[in-house]
Each structure stands twice: as C-alpha cells, then as structure tokens.
Amino acid sequence: MSHVWKSIVAGTIALSLLQCLTLSAQDTARYKGMTVNLDEVIVAAKRVGFDVNSFIKRVEDDTTFYRAFKNLHIVGFDAINDIQVLGKNAQVQASLFNQTHQELKGKCRTMQVSNEKVTGDFYTRKGNYNYYTAELYANLFFTKGTVCTDESGEDPDRSSGSLARHKSQLKQLIFNPGKPIRGVPIVGPKVAIFNSEVMRFYDFSISAQNYVDGTPCYVFTAKTKPNLNRIDRADVVIDELITWFNKENFEIVGRKYALSYKTMLFDFNVKMNVQMTKYNGLLIPALVTYNGTWNVPFKKRETAVFAAKFLNFTGAAE
C-alpha cells in the first residue's frame, strides 16, 4: 500500500461538444477495442456528433483535478480534520481531530491549529506522527511554519527519502488515474486502465447525471468486470473509478475510487472520495474522505479513516 499510497446532453449543445471534443485518427486508434456502455442521453448525443473517444481522452488527460489541489496553496481557508486509526474489531486506537486556519500574506502562507483532540498513540514521545497514514495526511494538508509558493502554487518539497517518493506516487494515482505509476514495478503498470492490456478487465460507461450538489454532469465510470477468473483478477488494482465532469466546462466536480491488491508480501484495500467546489473562479477541494487498510513488510497492518473538509475560503481574487 505504501507504494501506491498517501460524466452529455444532445441537441442544443451538439455544436459546442463538437468544438470541444476533437480527436485525431491516432487517438481513435488508441481506444480501439474499448467497449463503452452509453445511457440514452449519451446515445442521443452520439447521433448528432458526440465523440466517445474524445471524451475518454479528456478523462485520461484532465489536469483540472491536479490544479484544484494546488489551489489550496493560494487561498486562505478553514479546515476540519478528522483522522482515526483503527485496531481490531474496528475500534479506534488512535485519533486526531482539529481545526486549522490558513492565512495568506503575499505568496506565503501560515496555518494555525485550534480545538485539537488527540487519543491513543497518535504521536510518538518526540511528537512525531506514529502512523504513516497520518504522516502522509499532514504532508498533503498541513502547513508547518511559513511556506512560500511560486505563481503556479508549487511548494518547495521539504520531505525527503521514502516519504517524498511515496507522496509523488500518491499524486500520480490521484491526479492521473489510468496512467502507470513510475517507480512501482508490481502495481504501477496495473493501474493503466486505458492501455489495451489492462482495459480488457473493465466495464466502461458514460452517462448523464446530476452530482450530489445538483450540478449537471457527464459521468465516466470504469468498473472491474464481475466475472474475472482468478489469474486476471490478480492483475487488477483499480476496482472502480467514477469521475463527474461539469457539462458546462468539463471541470471535475467529483471523483470516487476503490483500489485493492494482494500478494504474499503486501496487500491494501482503499476507498477515496473527493468533492470539489468553486471559489472566485478557482476549483478547490471541499471534502476528501478515505477509508483504507494496508500491510507491508516490516510494518504492522494499518487501517485508518479520515475526512478533510475545507471551507470559508479567502483571497485569490478572480
């Protein structure tokens, strides 16, 4: 686990779809052999020119999701953080709950912590994180001291060694779903669901649905085929990947994952859900939830759940 851790309407908008969704012969060939189930709205759109291959390429090449997380570096916000590490019988053996407030001054940001409640052995005696899930969470969402970014929202990476490597691999998985993860020889190639050798394990679909907040979306779904034999099932890492795209601008408004893998050396089973919001024209995460367990050599099995809620954004004028 440590190596893979830390959505069209038809008719009136057909013209705009054709303008936004263009595909070369090379791209068409790339998705040849992929069977995609379409709901009746998408079928109607396809009759007037909607290109399924072009939409899939947008799913694969999307960058708005990555940009949304970087936007957390250029706005002020309040956050509610709730992390629980579970032991046997799903009992909480360690936890952290706090509220954080991020303030901006120029290109630099600082964070204040309040209402912190800690249970169990969440921290070591030296005040470090006792659990890897907690360490990765802090590395992604907490700011220590004063941190200054460049204009793109990039931070200097202060982590090093395995944490920096695992953080990079986690970003690849979250921000570039369906693409192989560099540096993970066993699992890395198996997440490339758009590659011909891997796509055969999946049922793909495109539908028109409203997201939980009522936003009209195009939804792209990839789910593992239900009747895979044992050998093929062993090559599957992404059990489910669902992405909701805003119909108006194709920005991602939500994404849901289910990942699992098991070998004699390690195993993991993780579910994640990300909901987006808009502030001053910026796409920003509003809620990130995680529920997962993993086990790797020389470490105890770690099962944890967390929720990060972001609100009260400030700064970053449109």
C-alpha atoms as a PDB file:
ATOM      1  CA  MET A   1       0.000   0.000   0.000  1.00  0.00           C
ATOM      2  CA  SER A   2       2.782   2.434   0.750  1.00  0.00           C
ATOM      3  CA  HIS A   3       3.842   2.417  -2.893  1.00  0.00           C
ATOM      4  CA  VAL A   4       0.512   3.321  -4.149  1.00  0.00           C
ATOM      5  CA  TRP A   5      -0.080   5.402  -1.053  1.00  0.00           C
ATOM      6  CA  LYS A   6      -0.659   8.516   0.638  1.00  0.00           C
ATOM      7  CA  SER A   7     -19.570  12.394 -16.930  1.00  0.00           C
ATOM      8  CA  ILE A   8     -23.799  14.610 -22.200  1.00  0.00           C
ATOM      9  CA  VAL A   9     -26.691  16.184 -23.372  1.00  0.00           C
ATOM     10  CA  ALA A  10     -27.809  16.149 -27.058  1.00  0.00           C
ATOM     11  CA  GLY A  11     -29.415  18.576 -29.464  1.00  0.00           C
ATOM     12  CA  THR A  12     -28.896  22.170 -28.465  1.00  0.00           C
ATOM     13  CA  ILE A  13     -25.302  21.762 -27.293  1.00  0.00           C
ATOM     14  CA  ALA A  14     -24.118  19.407 -30.027  1.00  0.00           C
ATOM     15  CA  LEU A  15     -22.159  22.169 -31.739  1.00  0.00           C
ATOM     16  CA  SER A  16     -20.256  23.104 -28.612  1.00  0.00           C
ATOM     17  CA  LEU A  17     -19.434  19.469 -27.976  1.00  0.00           C
ATOM     18  CA  LEU A  18     -18.009  19.178 -31.464  1.00  0.00           C
ATOM     19  CA  GLN A  19     -15.899  22.239 -30.847  1.00  0.00           C
ATOM     20  CA  CYS A  20     -14.611  20.984 -27.520  1.00  0.00           C
ATOM     21  CA  LEU A  21     -14.228  17.312 -28.360  1.00  0.00           C
ATOM     22  CA  THR A  22     -11.932  16.819 -31.343  1.00  0.00           C
ATOM     23  CA  LEU A  23      -9.950  13.648 -31.904  1.00  0.00           C
ATOM     24  CA  SER A  24      -7.244  12.650 -34.343  1.00  0.00           C
ATOM     25  CA  ALA A  25      -7.091   9.267 -36.069  1.00  0.00           C
ATOM     26  CA  GLN A  26      -4.237   8.387 -33.749  1.00  0.00           C
ATOM     27  CA  ASP A  27      -6.405   8.977 -30.673  1.00  0.00           C
ATOM     28  CA  THR A  28      -9.225   6.873 -32.165  1.00  0.00           C
ATOM     29  CA  ALA A  29      -6.814   4.016 -32.631  1.00  0.00           C
ATOM     30  CA  ARG A  30      -5.619   4.339 -29.060  1.00  0.00           C
ATOM     31  CA  TYR A  31      -9.065   3.411 -27.685  1.00  0.00           C
ATOM     32  CA  LYS A  32      -9.869   0.827 -30.353  1.00  0.00           C
ATOM     33  CA  GLY A  33     -11.285  -2.274 -28.716  1.00  0.00           C
ATOM     34  CA  MET A  34     -12.695  -0.435 -25.702  1.00  0.00           C
ATOM     35  CA  THR A  35     -16.407  -1.167 -25.244  1.00  0.00           C
ATOM     36  CA  VAL A  36     -18.268   1.701 -23.578  1.00  0.00           C
ATOM     37  CA  ASN A  37     -21.868   1.448 -22.377  1.00  0.00           C
ATOM     38  CA  LEU A  38     -23.861   4.650 -23.014  1.00  0.00           C
ATOM     39  CA  ASP A  39     -27.099   5.759 -21.404  1.00  0.00           C
ATOM     40  CA  GLU A  40     -29.933   7.063 -23.604  1.00  0.00           C
ATOM     41  CA  VAL A  41     -28.868  10.702 -23.281  1.00  0.00           C
ATOM     42  CA  ILE A  42     -25.370   9.908 -24.480  1.00  0.00           C
ATOM     43  CA  VAL A  43     -26.711   7.719 -27.300  1.00  0.00           C
ATOM     44  CA  ALA A  44     -28.790  10.684 -28.479  1.00  0.00           C
ATOM     45  CA  ALA A  45     -25.759  12.963 -28.286  1.00  0.00           C
ATOM     46  CA  LYS A  46     -23.678  10.438 -30.242  1.00  0.00           C
ATOM     47  CA  ARG A  47     -26.210  10.546 -33.118  1.00  0.00           C
ATOM     48  CA  VAL A  48     -25.555  14.246 -33.580  1.00  0.00           C
ATOM     49  CA  GLY A  49     -21.789  14.049 -33.328  1.00  0.00           C
ATOM     50  CA  PHE A  50     -20.651  13.352 -29.781  1.00  0.00           C
ATOM     51  CA  ASP A  51     -17.313  11.562 -29.995  1.00  0.00           C
ATOM     52  CA  VAL A  52     -16.897   8.972 -27.268  1.00  0.00           C
ATOM     53  CA  ASN A  53     -13.174   8.573 -27.890  1.00  0.00           C
ATOM     54  CA  SER A  54     -12.606  12.292 -27.493  1.00  0.00           C
ATOM     55  CA  PHE A  55     -14.410  12.306 -24.180  1.00  0.00           C
ATOM     56  CA  ILE A  56     -12.356   9.373 -22.914  1.00  0.00           C
ATOM     57  CA  LYS A  57      -9.190  11.188 -23.912  1.00  0.00           C
ATOM     58  CA  ARG A  58     -10.366  14.141 -21.829  1.00  0.00           C
ATOM     59  CA  VAL A  59     -10.751  11.799 -18.878  1.00  0.00           C
ATOM     60  CA  GLU A  60      -7.234  10.487 -19.344  1.00  0.00           C
ATOM     61  CA  ASP A  61      -5.597  13.872 -19.971  1.00  0.00           C
ATOM     62  CA  ASP A  62      -7.523  16.018 -17.469  1.00  0.00           C
ATOM     63  CA  THR A  63      -5.442  18.467 -15.457  1.00  0.00           C
ATOM     64  CA  THR A  64      -8.192  20.422 -13.616  1.00  0.00           C
ATOM     65  CA  PHE A  65      -8.156  17.958 -10.728  1.00  0.00           C
ATOM     66  CA  TYR A  66      -4.453  18.468 -10.094  1.00  0.00           C
ATOM     67  CA  ARG A  67      -4.857  22.244 -10.388  1.00  0.00           C
ATOM     68  CA  ALA A  68      -7.660  22.175  -7.797  1.00  0.00           C
ATOM     69  CA  PHE A  69      -5.416  20.691  -5.118  1.00  0.00           C
ATOM     70  CA  LYS A  70      -2.631  23.137  -5.898  1.00  0.00           C
ATOM     71  CA  ASN A  71      -5.194  25.944  -5.472  1.00  0.00           C
ATOM     72  CA  LEU A  72      -5.223  25.123  -1.757  1.00  0.00           C
ATOM     73  CA  HIS A  73      -1.795  26.746  -1.704  1.00  0.00           C
ATOM     74  CA  ILE A  74      -3.021  30.127  -2.990  1.00  0.00           C
ATOM     75  CA  VAL A  75      -6.161  30.701  -0.902  1.00  0.00           C
ATOM     76  CA  GLY A  76      -6.916  31.105   2.748  1.00  0.00           C
ATOM     77  CA  PHE A  77      -9.328  28.618   4.278  1.00  0.00           C
ATOM     78  CA  ASP A  78     -10.613  26.890   7.367  1.00  0.00           C
ATOM     79  CA  ALA A  79     -10.428  23.108   7.566  1.00  0.00           C
ATOM     80  CA  ILE A  80     -11.851  20.402   9.790  1.00  0.00           C
ATOM     81  CA  ASN A  81      -9.527  17.420  10.070  1.00  0.00           C
ATOM     82  CA  ASP A  82     -10.617  14.072  11.473  1.00  0.00           C
ATOM     83  CA  ILE A  83      -8.200  11.109  11.361  1.00  0.00           C
ATOM     84  CA  GLN A  84      -8.842   7.781  13.073  1.00  0.00           C
ATOM     85  CA  VAL A  85      -6.567   4.758  13.194  1.00  0.00           C
ATOM     86  CA  LEU A  86      -8.482   1.539  13.799  1.00  0.00           C
ATOM     87  CA  GLY A  87      -7.421  -1.586  15.608  1.00  0.00           C
ATOM     88  CA  LYS A  88      -9.084  -4.966  15.971  1.00  0.00           C
ATOM     89  CA  ASN A  89     -12.875  -5.053  15.626  1.00  0.00           C
ATOM     90  CA  ALA A  90     -12.688  -1.570  14.059  1.00  0.00           C
ATOM     91  CA  GLN A  91     -12.126   0.041  17.431  1.00  0.00           C
ATOM     92  CA  VAL A  92     -10.368   3.420  17.404  1.00  0.00           C
ATOM     93  CA  GLN A  93      -6.873   3.006  18.822  1.00  0.00           C
ATOM     94  CA  ALA A  94      -5.559   6.468  17.959  1.00  0.00           C
ATOM     95  CA  SER A  95      -7.085   9.629  16.571  1.00  0.00           C
ATOM     96  CA  LEU A  96      -6.603  13.295  15.795  1.00  0.00           C
ATOM     97  CA  PHE A  97      -9.317  15.929  15.440  1.00  0.00           C
ATOM     98  CA  ASN A  98      -8.532  19.575  14.942  1.00  0.00           C
ATOM     99  CA  GLN A  99      -9.459  22.727  13.083  1.00  0.00           C
ATOM    100  CA  THR A 100      -6.938  24.617  11.021  1.00  0.00           C
ATOM    101  CA  HIS A 101      -6.963  28.152   9.648  1.00  0.00           C
ATOM    102  CA  GLN A 102      -4.690  29.055   6.747  1.00  0.00           C
ATOM    103  CA  GLU A 103      -3.745  32.697   6.222  1.00  0.00           C
ATOM    104  CA  LEU A 104      -2.024  34.229   3.216  1.00  0.00           C
ATOM    105  CA  LYS A 105       0.466  37.054   3.117  1.00  0.00           C
ATOM    106  CA  GLY A 106       1.640  37.620  -0.413  1.00  0.00           C
ATOM    107  CA  LYS A 107       2.808  34.285  -1.811  1.00  0.00           C
ATOM    108  CA  CYS A 108       3.385  32.841   1.625  1.00  0.00           C
ATOM    109  CA  ARG A 109       1.003  31.032   3.924  1.00  0.00           C
ATOM    110  CA  THR A 110       0.862  30.030   7.554  1.00  0.00           C
ATOM    111  CA  MET A 111      -1.524  27.776   9.462  1.00  0.00           C
ATOM    112  CA  GLN A 112      -2.944  27.968  12.970  1.00  0.00           C
ATOM    113  CA  VAL A 113      -4.331  24.917  14.763  1.00  0.00           C
ATOM    114  CA  SER A 114      -7.214  25.005  17.251  1.00  0.00           C
ATOM    115  CA  ASN A 115      -9.530  22.639  19.125  1.00  0.00           C
ATOM    116  CA  GLU A 116      -7.087  19.773  18.797  1.00  0.00           C
ATOM    117  CA  LYS A 117      -8.029  16.494  20.444  1.00  0.00           C
ATOM    118  CA  VAL A 118      -5.696  13.505  20.361  1.00  0.00           C
ATOM    119  CA  THR A 119      -6.250   9.958  21.604  1.00  0.00           C
ATOM    120  CA  GLY A 120      -4.082   6.881  21.820  1.00  0.00           C
ATOM    121  CA  ASP A 121      -0.554   6.755  20.447  1.00  0.00           C
ATOM    122  CA  PHE A 122      -1.196   9.096  17.516  1.00  0.00           C
ATOM    123  CA  TYR A 123       2.086  10.852  18.252  1.00  0.00           C
ATOM    124  CA  THR A 124       5.405   9.398  19.347  1.00  0.00           C
ATOM    125  CA  ARG A 125       7.081  10.584  22.541  1.00  0.00           C
ATOM    126  CA  LYS A 126       9.082  13.012  20.424  1.00  0.00           C
ATOM    127  CA  GLY A 127       5.918  14.498  18.940  1.00  0.00           C
ATOM    128  CA  ASN A 128       6.228  12.857  15.517  1.00  0.00           C
ATOM    129  CA  TYR A 129       3.430  11.006  13.773  1.00  0.00           C
ATOM    130  CA  ASN A 130       3.264   7.399  14.872  1.00  0.00           C
ATOM    131  CA  TYR A 131       1.313   6.264  11.791  1.00  0.00           C
ATOM    132  CA  TYR A 132       2.182   6.505   8.133  1.00  0.00           C
ATOM    133  CA  THR A 133      -1.377   7.491   7.115  1.00  0.00           C
ATOM    134  CA  ALA A 134      -1.200  10.432   9.485  1.00  0.00           C
ATOM    135  CA  GLU A 135       2.213  11.442   8.194  1.00  0.00           C
ATOM    136  CA  LEU A 136       1.035  11.471   4.595  1.00  0.00           C
ATOM    137  CA  TYR A 137      -2.129  13.375   5.522  1.00  0.00           C
ATOM    138  CA  ALA A 138      -0.094  16.031   7.279  1.00  0.00           C
ATOM    139  CA  ASN A 139       2.306  16.227   4.358  1.00  0.00           C
ATOM    140  CA  LEU A 140      -0.570  16.905   1.963  1.00  0.00           C
ATOM    141  CA  PHE A 141      -2.875  19.149   4.009  1.00  0.00           C
ATOM    142  CA  PHE A 142      -0.996  20.731   6.904  1.00  0.00           C
ATOM    143  CA  THR A 143       1.349  23.709   6.691  1.00  0.00           C
ATOM    144  CA  LYS A 144       4.197  23.902   9.180  1.00  0.00           C
ATOM    145  CA  GLY A 145       5.791  27.280   9.695  1.00  0.00           C
ATOM    146  CA  THR A 146       5.796  29.714   6.782  1.00  0.00           C
ATOM    147  CA  VAL A 147       5.645  28.202   3.301  1.00  0.00           C
ATOM    148  CA  CYS A 148       6.023  30.277   0.146  1.00  0.00           C
ATOM    149  CA  THR A 149       4.891  29.144  -3.300  1.00  0.00           C
ATOM    150  CA  ASP A 150       5.620  30.185  -6.856  1.00  0.00           C
ATOM    151  CA  GLU A 151       2.862  31.631  -9.062  1.00  0.00           C
ATOM    152  CA  SER A 152       1.627  28.147 -10.035  1.00  0.00           C
ATOM    153  CA  GLY A 153       1.075  27.202  -6.396  1.00  0.00           C
ATOM    154  CA  GLU A 154       4.022  24.829  -6.252  1.00  0.00           C
ATOM    155  CA  ASP A 155       5.790  24.380  -2.943  1.00  0.00           C
ATOM    156  CA  PRO A 156       9.389  23.552  -2.301  1.00  0.00           C
ATOM    157  CA  ASP A 157       9.290  19.877  -1.325  1.00  0.00           C
ATOM    158  CA  ARG A 158      10.673  19.676   2.190  1.00  0.00           C
ATOM    159  CA  SER A 159      10.108  15.954   2.588  1.00  0.00           C
ATOM    160  CA  SER A 160      12.824  13.539   1.627  1.00  0.00           C
ATOM    161  CA  GLY A 161      13.544   9.858   1.181  1.00  0.00           C
ATOM    162  CA  SER A 162      10.698   7.373   1.070  1.00  0.00           C
ATOM    163  CA  LEU A 163       8.072   9.921   2.165  1.00  0.00           C
ATOM    164  CA  ALA A 164       8.863  12.202  -0.788  1.00  0.00           C
ATOM    165  CA  ARG A 165       8.790   9.216  -3.163  1.00  0.00           C
ATOM    166  CA  HIS A 166       5.509   7.882  -1.799  1.00  0.00           C
ATOM    167  CA  LYS A 167       3.962  11.364  -1.871  1.00  0.00           C
ATOM    168  CA  SER A 168       4.882  11.659  -5.550  1.00  0.00           C
ATOM    169  CA  GLN A 169       3.423   8.234  -6.297  1.00  0.00           C
ATOM    170  CA  LEU A 170       0.213   9.091  -4.454  1.00  0.00           C
ATOM    171  CA  LYS A 171      -0.119  12.271  -6.510  1.00  0.00           C
ATOM    172  CA  GLN A 172       0.305  10.264  -9.712  1.00  0.00           C
ATOM    173  CA  LEU A 173      -2.507   7.943  -8.701  1.00  0.00           C
ATOM    174  CA  ILE A 174      -4.898  10.686  -7.584  1.00  0.00           C
ATOM    175  CA  PHE A 175      -4.212  13.272 -10.277  1.00  0.00           C
ATOM    176  CA  ASN A 176      -3.540  10.996 -13.271  1.00  0.00           C
ATOM    177  CA  PRO A 177      -5.871   7.997 -12.905  1.00  0.00           C
ATOM    178  CA  GLY A 178      -5.457   5.348 -15.556  1.00  0.00           C
ATOM    179  CA  LYS A 179      -1.782   6.067 -16.133  1.00  0.00           C
ATOM    180  CA  PRO A 180       1.081   3.864 -14.913  1.00  0.00           C
ATOM    181  CA  ILE A 181       2.813   4.917 -11.719  1.00  0.00           C
ATOM    182  CA  ARG A 182       6.531   5.307 -12.168  1.00  0.00           C
ATOM    183  CA  GLY A 183       8.703   3.598  -9.616  1.00  0.00           C
ATOM    184  CA  VAL A 184       6.162   0.982  -8.546  1.00  0.00           C
ATOM    185  CA  PRO A 185       7.173  -2.128 -10.512  1.00  0.00           C
ATOM    186  CA  ILE A 186       4.448  -4.516  -9.332  1.00  0.00           C
ATOM    187  CA  VAL A 187       1.405  -2.271  -9.053  1.00  0.00           C
ATOM    188  CA  GLY A 188       2.355   0.694 -11.256  1.00  0.00           C
ATOM    189  CA  PRO A 189       1.530  -0.763 -14.707  1.00  0.00           C
ATOM    190  CA  LYS A 190      -1.679  -2.374 -13.453  1.00  0.00           C
ATOM    191  CA  VAL A 191      -3.431   0.974 -12.860  1.00  0.00           C
ATOM    192  CA  ALA A 192      -3.104   1.942 -16.548  1.00  0.00           C
ATOM    193  CA  ILE A 193      -6.754   1.170 -17.340  1.00  0.00           C
ATOM    194  CA  PHE A 194      -6.614   2.920 -20.740  1.00  0.00           C
ATOM    195  CA  ASN A 195      -3.905   0.580 -22.012  1.00  0.00           C
ATOM    196  CA  SER A 196      -5.159  -2.343 -24.136  1.00  0.00           C
ATOM    197  CA  GLU A 197      -3.650  -4.986 -21.872  1.00  0.00           C
ATOM    198  CA  VAL A 198      -5.484  -3.605 -18.844  1.00  0.00           C
ATOM    199  CA  MET A 199      -8.754  -2.203 -20.297  1.00  0.00           C
ATOM    200  CA  ARG A 200      -9.969  -5.734 -21.086  1.00  0.00           C
ATOM    201  CA  PHE A 201     -10.550  -6.252 -17.370  1.00  0.00           C
ATOM    202  CA  TYR A 202     -13.066  -3.373 -17.152  1.00  0.00           C
ATOM    203  CA  ASP A 203     -16.612  -2.365 -17.988  1.00  0.00           C
ATOM    204  CA  PHE A 204     -16.691   1.292 -19.076  1.00  0.00           C
ATOM    205  CA  SER A 205     -19.712   3.579 -19.240  1.00  0.00           C
ATOM    206  CA  ILE A 206     -20.625   7.217 -19.899  1.00  0.00           C
ATOM    207  CA  SER A 207     -23.850   8.669 -18.551  1.00  0.00           C
ATOM    208  CA  ALA A 208     -25.562  11.989 -17.842  1.00  0.00           C
ATOM    209  CA  GLN A 209     -26.292  12.554 -14.160  1.00  0.00           C
ATOM    210  CA  ASN A 210     -26.516  15.336 -11.622  1.00  0.00           C
ATOM    211  CA  TYR A 211     -23.803  15.399  -8.976  1.00  0.00           C
ATOM    212  CA  VAL A 212     -24.707  15.436  -5.279  1.00  0.00           C
ATOM    213  CA  ASP A 213     -24.842  19.236  -5.308  1.00  0.00           C
ATOM    214  CA  GLY A 214     -27.181  19.248  -8.356  1.00  0.00           C
ATOM    215  CA  THR A 215     -24.528  20.116 -10.957  1.00  0.00           C
ATOM    216  CA  PRO A 216     -25.405  18.566 -14.383  1.00  0.00           C
ATOM    217  CA  CYS A 217     -22.531  16.235 -15.237  1.00  0.00           C
ATOM    218  CA  TYR A 218     -21.120  13.756 -17.696  1.00  0.00           C
ATOM    219  CA  VAL A 219     -20.043  10.714 -15.703  1.00  0.00           C
ATOM    220  CA  PHE A 220     -17.260   8.358 -16.762  1.00  0.00           C
ATOM    221  CA  THR A 221     -17.183   5.029 -14.937  1.00  0.00           C
ATOM    222  CA  ALA A 222     -14.690   2.184 -15.025  1.00  0.00           C
ATOM    223  CA  LYS A 223     -15.545  -0.920 -13.005  1.00  0.00           C
ATOM    224  CA  THR A 224     -13.832  -4.278 -12.835  1.00  0.00           C
ATOM    225  CA  LYS A 225     -15.705  -6.947 -14.799  1.00  0.00           C
ATOM    226  CA  PRO A 226     -17.695  -9.022 -12.300  1.00  0.00           C
ATOM    227  CA  ASN A 227     -16.704 -12.489 -13.564  1.00  0.00           C
ATOM    228  CA  LEU A 228     -12.946 -12.297 -13.990  1.00  0.00           C
ATOM    229  CA  ASN A 229     -11.027 -15.508 -13.378  1.00  0.00           C
ATOM    230  CA  ARG A 230      -8.518 -15.631 -10.547  1.00  0.00           C
ATOM    231  CA  ILE A 231      -5.492 -15.014 -12.747  1.00  0.00           C
ATOM    232  CA  ASP A 232      -6.961 -11.931 -14.421  1.00  0.00           C
ATOM    233  CA  ARG A 233      -8.312 -10.614 -11.122  1.00  0.00           C
ATOM    234  CA  ALA A 234      -4.764 -10.685  -9.790  1.00  0.00           C
ATOM    235  CA  ASP A 235      -3.838  -8.044 -12.398  1.00  0.00           C
ATOM    236  CA  VAL A 236      -6.497  -5.572 -11.238  1.00  0.00           C
ATOM    237  CA  VAL A 237      -5.710  -2.685  -8.891  1.00  0.00           C
ATOM    238  CA  ILE A 238      -8.438  -0.117  -9.640  1.00  0.00           C
ATOM    239  CA  ASP A 239     -11.716  -1.802  -8.714  1.00  0.00           C
ATOM    240  CA  GLU A 240     -13.791   1.281  -9.512  1.00  0.00           C
ATOM    241  CA  LEU A 241     -13.120   4.777 -10.824  1.00  0.00           C
ATOM    242  CA  ILE A 242     -16.010   7.232 -11.233  1.00  0.00           C
ATOM    243  CA  THR A 243     -15.459  10.819 -12.364  1.00  0.00           C
ATOM    244  CA  TRP A 244     -18.119  13.543 -12.608  1.00  0.00           C
ATOM    245  CA  PHE A 245     -17.435  16.286 -15.194  1.00  0.00           C
ATOM    246  CA  ASN A 246     -19.317  19.597 -15.204  1.00  0.00           C
ATOM    247  CA  LYS A 247     -21.234  19.760 -18.516  1.00  0.00           C
ATOM    248  CA  GLU A 248     -20.513  23.443 -18.978  1.00  0.00           C
ATOM    249  CA  ASN A 249     -16.753  23.467 -18.687  1.00  0.00           C
ATOM    250  CA  PHE A 250     -15.624  19.844 -18.262  1.00  0.00           C
ATOM    251  CA  GLU A 251     -14.057  20.557 -14.881  1.00  0.00           C
ATOM    252  CA  ILE A 252     -14.101  17.641 -12.487  1.00  0.00           C
ATOM    253  CA  VAL A 253     -16.601  18.190  -9.684  1.00  0.00           C
ATOM    254  CA  GLY A 254     -16.157  14.807  -8.028  1.00  0.00           C
ATOM    255  CA  ARG A 255     -14.147  11.606  -8.159  1.00  0.00           C
ATOM    256  CA  LYS A 256     -14.541   8.268  -6.415  1.00  0.00           C
ATOM    257  CA  TYR A 257     -12.007   5.425  -6.183  1.00  0.00           C
ATOM    258  CA  ALA A 258     -11.868   1.884  -4.933  1.00  0.00           C
ATOM    259  CA  LEU A 259      -8.439   0.244  -5.025  1.00  0.00           C
ATOM    260  CA  SER A 260      -7.244  -3.134  -3.821  1.00  0.00           C
ATOM    261  CA  TYR A 261      -4.389  -5.561  -4.347  1.00  0.00           C
ATOM    262  CA  LYS A 262      -2.983  -8.581  -2.553  1.00  0.00           C
ATOM    263  CA  THR A 263       0.263 -10.501  -2.780  1.00  0.00           C
ATOM    264  CA  MET A 264       2.223 -12.673  -0.361  1.00  0.00           C
ATOM    265  CA  LEU A 265       4.356  -9.643   0.524  1.00  0.00           C
ATOM    266  CA  PHE A 266       1.807  -6.850   0.821  1.00  0.00           C
ATOM    267  CA  ASP A 267      -1.872  -6.003   0.427  1.00  0.00           C
ATOM    268  CA  PHE A 268      -4.130  -2.966   0.511  1.00  0.00           C
ATOM    269  CA  ASN A 269      -7.820  -2.060   0.162  1.00  0.00           C
ATOM    270  CA  VAL A 270      -8.586   1.645  -0.110  1.00  0.00           C
ATOM    271  CA  LYS A 271     -11.627   3.776  -0.921  1.00  0.00           C
ATOM    272  CA  MET A 272     -11.441   7.519  -1.564  1.00  0.00           C
ATOM    273  CA  ASN A 273     -13.999  10.203  -2.429  1.00  0.00           C
ATOM    274  CA  VAL A 274     -13.271  13.803  -3.431  1.00  0.00           C
ATOM    275  CA  GLN A 275     -15.876  16.561  -3.807  1.00  0.00           C
ATOM    276  CA  MET A 276     -14.974  19.879  -5.415  1.00  0.00           C
ATOM    277  CA  THR A 277     -16.279  23.425  -5.020  1.00  0.00           C
ATOM    278  CA  LYS A 278     -15.647  26.810  -6.704  1.00  0.00           C
ATOM    279  CA  TYR A 279     -14.318  29.976  -5.125  1.00  0.00           C
ATOM    280  CA  ASN A 280     -13.542  33.152  -7.086  1.00  0.00           C
ATOM    281  CA  GLY A 281     -13.332  31.113 -10.283  1.00  0.00           C
ATOM    282  CA  LEU A 282     -10.995  28.556  -8.738  1.00  0.00           C
ATOM    283  CA  LEU A 283     -11.762  24.842  -8.496  1.00  0.00           C
ATOM    284  CA  ILE A 284     -10.914  23.717  -4.951  1.00  0.00           C
ATOM    285  CA  PRO A 285     -11.445  20.506  -2.934  1.00  0.00           C
ATOM    286  CA  ALA A 286     -14.345  20.821  -0.487  1.00  0.00           C
ATOM    287  CA  LEU A 287     -14.281  17.310   1.001  1.00  0.00           C
ATOM    288  CA  VAL A 288     -11.795  14.456   0.867  1.00  0.00           C
ATOM    289  CA  THR A 289     -12.590  11.140   2.550  1.00  0.00           C
ATOM    290  CA  TYR A 290     -10.505   7.992   2.876  1.00  0.00           C
ATOM    291  CA  ASN A 291     -11.119   4.519   4.251  1.00  0.00           C
ATOM    292  CA  GLY A 292      -8.345   2.023   3.857  1.00  0.00           C
ATOM    293  CA  THR A 293      -6.144  -0.726   5.165  1.00  0.00           C
ATOM    294  CA  TRP A 294      -2.669  -1.727   4.074  1.00  0.00           C
ATOM    295  CA  ASN A 295       0.036  -4.127   5.127  1.00  0.00           C
ATOM    296  CA  VAL A 296       3.660  -4.111   4.012  1.00  0.00           C
ATOM    297  CA  PRO A 297       6.769  -5.973   5.193  1.00  0.00           C
ATOM    298  CA  PHE A 298       8.347  -4.846   8.452  1.00  0.00           C
ATOM    299  CA  LYS A 299       5.307  -2.733   9.434  1.00  0.00           C
ATOM    300  CA  LYS A 300       2.139  -3.547  11.307  1.00  0.00           C
ATOM    301  CA  ARG A 301      -1.103  -3.551   9.364  1.00  0.00           C
ATOM    302  CA  GLU A 302      -2.533  -0.035   9.380  1.00  0.00           C
ATOM    303  CA  THR A 303      -6.251   0.661   8.976  1.00  0.00           C
ATOM    304  CA  ALA A 304      -7.438   4.247   9.007  1.00  0.00           C
ATOM    305  CA  VAL A 305     -10.282   6.549   8.025  1.00  0.00           C
ATOM    306  CA  PHE A 306     -10.079  10.267   7.571  1.00  0.00           C
ATOM    307  CA  ALA A 307     -12.147  13.232   6.408  1.00  0.00           C
ATOM    308  CA  ALA A 308     -10.841  16.650   5.433  1.00  0.00           C
ATOM    309  CA  LYS A 309     -13.392  19.431   4.955  1.00  0.00           C
ATOM    310  CA  PHE A 310     -12.348  22.809   3.500  1.00  0.00           C
ATOM    311  CA  LEU A 311     -14.494  25.944   3.815  1.00  0.00           C
ATOM    312  CA  ASN A 312     -14.522  29.733   4.358  1.00  0.00           C
ATOM    313  CA  PHE A 313     -12.108  30.469   1.515  1.00  0.00           C
ATOM    314  CA  THR A 314     -10.484  33.890   1.249  1.00  0.00           C
ATOM    315  CA  GLY A 315      -8.116  35.704  -1.077  1.00  0.00           C
ATOM    316  CA  ALA A 316      -7.185  34.787  -4.664  1.00  0.00           C
ATOM    317  CA  ALA A 317      -9.297  37.387  -6.489  1.00  0.00           C
ATOM    318  CA  GLU A 318     -10.877  36.153  -9.718  1.00  0.00           C
END
